[in-house]
N, C-alpha and C. Protein backbone atom coordinates (compact mmCIF):
# COMPACT_ATOMS: atom_id res chain seq x y z
N UNK A 1 4.04 -6.59 -15.68
CA UNK A 1 3.16 -6.88 -14.57
C UNK A 1 3.62 -6.09 -13.35
N UNK A 2 3.05 -4.92 -13.10
CA UNK A 2 3.45 -4.14 -11.93
C UNK A 2 3.05 -4.82 -10.62
N UNK A 3 3.99 -4.87 -9.71
CA UNK A 3 3.71 -5.35 -8.35
C UNK A 3 4.05 -4.21 -7.41
N UNK A 4 3.04 -3.72 -6.70
CA UNK A 4 3.19 -2.57 -5.82
C UNK A 4 3.17 -3.06 -4.37
N UNK A 5 4.20 -2.68 -3.61
CA UNK A 5 4.26 -3.03 -2.19
C UNK A 5 4.01 -1.77 -1.37
N UNK A 6 3.04 -1.84 -0.47
CA UNK A 6 2.70 -0.72 0.40
C UNK A 6 2.90 -1.16 1.84
N UNK A 7 3.75 -0.44 2.56
CA UNK A 7 3.96 -0.71 3.97
C UNK A 7 3.39 0.46 4.75
N UNK A 8 2.58 0.16 5.75
CA UNK A 8 2.00 1.22 6.56
C UNK A 8 1.73 0.70 7.96
N UNK A 9 1.58 1.63 8.87
CA UNK A 9 1.27 1.25 10.24
C UNK A 9 -0.11 0.61 10.31
N UNK A 10 -0.24 -0.41 11.11
CA UNK A 10 -1.50 -1.12 11.27
C UNK A 10 -2.58 -0.18 11.80
N UNK A 11 -3.82 -0.50 11.48
CA UNK A 11 -4.92 0.28 12.02
C UNK A 11 -5.96 0.68 10.98
N UNK A 12 -5.67 0.45 9.71
CA UNK A 12 -6.66 0.79 8.68
C UNK A 12 -7.72 -0.29 8.61
N UNK A 13 -8.92 0.11 8.26
CA UNK A 13 -10.02 -0.84 8.14
C UNK A 13 -9.91 -1.59 6.82
N UNK A 14 -10.57 -2.75 6.72
CA UNK A 14 -10.60 -3.44 5.44
C UNK A 14 -11.14 -2.56 4.31
N UNK A 15 -12.11 -1.72 4.62
CA UNK A 15 -12.68 -0.83 3.60
C UNK A 15 -11.65 0.18 3.12
N UNK A 16 -10.86 0.72 4.04
CA UNK A 16 -9.81 1.67 3.66
C UNK A 16 -8.77 0.99 2.76
N UNK A 17 -8.40 -0.23 3.10
CA UNK A 17 -7.43 -0.97 2.29
C UNK A 17 -8.00 -1.27 0.92
N UNK A 18 -9.26 -1.63 0.85
CA UNK A 18 -9.91 -1.90 -0.43
C UNK A 18 -9.89 -0.64 -1.31
N UNK A 19 -10.21 0.50 -0.72
CA UNK A 19 -10.20 1.75 -1.47
C UNK A 19 -8.79 2.11 -1.92
N UNK A 20 -7.81 1.88 -1.07
CA UNK A 20 -6.42 2.15 -1.42
C UNK A 20 -6.00 1.29 -2.61
N UNK A 21 -6.34 0.02 -2.57
CA UNK A 21 -5.99 -0.88 -3.67
C UNK A 21 -6.63 -0.42 -4.97
N UNK A 22 -7.89 -0.03 -4.93
CA UNK A 22 -8.58 0.45 -6.13
C UNK A 22 -7.92 1.71 -6.67
N UNK A 23 -7.64 2.68 -5.80
CA UNK A 23 -7.07 3.96 -6.24
C UNK A 23 -5.66 3.79 -6.79
N UNK A 24 -4.84 2.99 -6.12
CA UNK A 24 -3.47 2.78 -6.59
C UNK A 24 -3.48 2.03 -7.91
N UNK A 25 -4.34 1.04 -8.03
CA UNK A 25 -4.46 0.31 -9.30
C UNK A 25 -4.81 1.25 -10.44
N UNK A 26 -5.80 2.12 -10.21
CA UNK A 26 -6.21 3.07 -11.24
C UNK A 26 -5.05 3.99 -11.63
N UNK A 27 -4.28 4.44 -10.64
CA UNK A 27 -3.14 5.32 -10.92
C UNK A 27 -2.07 4.61 -11.75
N UNK A 28 -1.80 3.35 -11.42
CA UNK A 28 -0.80 2.58 -12.16
C UNK A 28 -1.27 2.35 -13.60
N UNK A 29 -2.52 2.00 -13.77
CA UNK A 29 -3.07 1.79 -15.11
C UNK A 29 -2.97 3.07 -15.92
N UNK A 30 -3.36 4.18 -15.32
CA UNK A 30 -3.37 5.47 -16.00
C UNK A 30 -1.96 5.94 -16.38
N UNK A 31 -1.00 5.75 -15.49
CA UNK A 31 0.33 6.30 -15.73
C UNK A 31 1.27 5.37 -16.49
N UNK A 32 1.02 4.07 -16.43
CA UNK A 32 1.93 3.13 -17.09
C UNK A 32 1.33 2.45 -18.31
N UNK A 33 0.01 2.49 -18.42
CA UNK A 33 -0.64 1.78 -19.52
C UNK A 33 -0.81 0.30 -19.27
N UNK A 34 -0.46 -0.15 -18.08
CA UNK A 34 -0.64 -1.57 -17.75
C UNK A 34 -2.13 -1.90 -17.70
N UNK A 35 -2.44 -3.15 -17.96
CA UNK A 35 -3.83 -3.58 -17.84
C UNK A 35 -4.16 -3.77 -16.36
N UNK A 36 -5.39 -3.44 -16.02
CA UNK A 36 -5.85 -3.54 -14.63
C UNK A 36 -5.60 -4.93 -14.06
N UNK A 37 -5.84 -5.94 -14.88
CA UNK A 37 -5.70 -7.33 -14.44
C UNK A 37 -4.25 -7.71 -14.16
N UNK A 38 -3.31 -6.91 -14.66
CA UNK A 38 -1.89 -7.22 -14.47
C UNK A 38 -1.30 -6.58 -13.23
N UNK A 39 -2.06 -5.69 -12.58
CA UNK A 39 -1.54 -4.96 -11.42
C UNK A 39 -1.80 -5.76 -10.14
N UNK A 40 -0.74 -5.98 -9.39
CA UNK A 40 -0.85 -6.65 -8.08
C UNK A 40 -0.39 -5.69 -7.00
N UNK A 41 -1.10 -5.71 -5.88
CA UNK A 41 -0.76 -4.83 -4.75
C UNK A 41 -0.69 -5.66 -3.48
N UNK A 42 0.39 -5.46 -2.73
CA UNK A 42 0.59 -6.14 -1.46
C UNK A 42 0.65 -5.08 -0.37
N UNK A 43 -0.22 -5.20 0.62
CA UNK A 43 -0.20 -4.29 1.76
C UNK A 43 0.37 -5.03 2.97
N UNK A 44 1.41 -4.45 3.55
CA UNK A 44 2.02 -5.02 4.75
C UNK A 44 1.78 -4.07 5.91
N UNK A 45 1.09 -4.54 6.92
CA UNK A 45 0.85 -3.75 8.12
C UNK A 45 2.02 -3.92 9.09
N UNK A 46 2.41 -2.83 9.71
CA UNK A 46 3.48 -2.86 10.71
C UNK A 46 2.93 -2.36 12.04
N UNK A 47 3.41 -2.95 13.11
CA UNK A 47 3.10 -2.42 14.43
C UNK A 47 3.93 -1.17 14.65
N UNK A 48 3.42 -0.24 15.45
CA UNK A 48 4.14 1.00 15.70
C UNK A 48 5.54 0.76 16.24
N UNK A 49 5.68 -0.24 17.10
CA UNK A 49 6.99 -0.50 17.71
C UNK A 49 7.97 -1.13 16.72
N UNK A 50 7.49 -1.51 15.53
CA UNK A 50 8.36 -2.08 14.51
C UNK A 50 8.81 -1.05 13.49
N UNK A 51 8.56 0.23 13.76
CA UNK A 51 8.86 1.29 12.81
C UNK A 51 9.53 2.45 13.54
N UNK A 52 10.54 2.99 12.91
CA UNK A 52 11.21 4.15 13.48
C UNK A 52 11.37 5.24 12.43
N UNK A 53 11.46 6.47 12.89
CA UNK A 53 11.67 7.60 12.02
C UNK A 53 12.54 8.61 12.73
N UNK A 54 13.57 9.08 12.03
CA UNK A 54 14.45 10.07 12.65
C UNK A 54 15.22 9.54 13.84
N UNK A 55 15.51 8.25 13.84
CA UNK A 55 16.27 7.65 14.94
C UNK A 55 15.45 7.27 16.15
N UNK A 56 14.14 7.42 16.06
CA UNK A 56 13.25 7.12 17.19
C UNK A 56 12.22 6.08 16.78
N UNK A 57 11.85 5.22 17.69
CA UNK A 57 10.78 4.26 17.47
C UNK A 57 9.46 5.01 17.54
N UNK A 58 8.56 4.71 16.61
CA UNK A 58 7.25 5.37 16.59
C UNK A 58 6.47 4.93 17.81
N UNK A 59 5.79 5.89 18.44
CA UNK A 59 4.99 5.58 19.64
C UNK A 59 3.57 5.95 19.43
């Protein structure tokens, strides 16, 4: 049972998240042979100030 965690900066629309879930599910099914019904995806939105890259807080 694959469980995929996706962390990204907040700001995507519900439609974008729905499309992401569909596309990632299809990729997991295709590459692992898992059944579609067994794939779970969790999207965690982060605020920009909660994320840093290269030693700097994202602005």
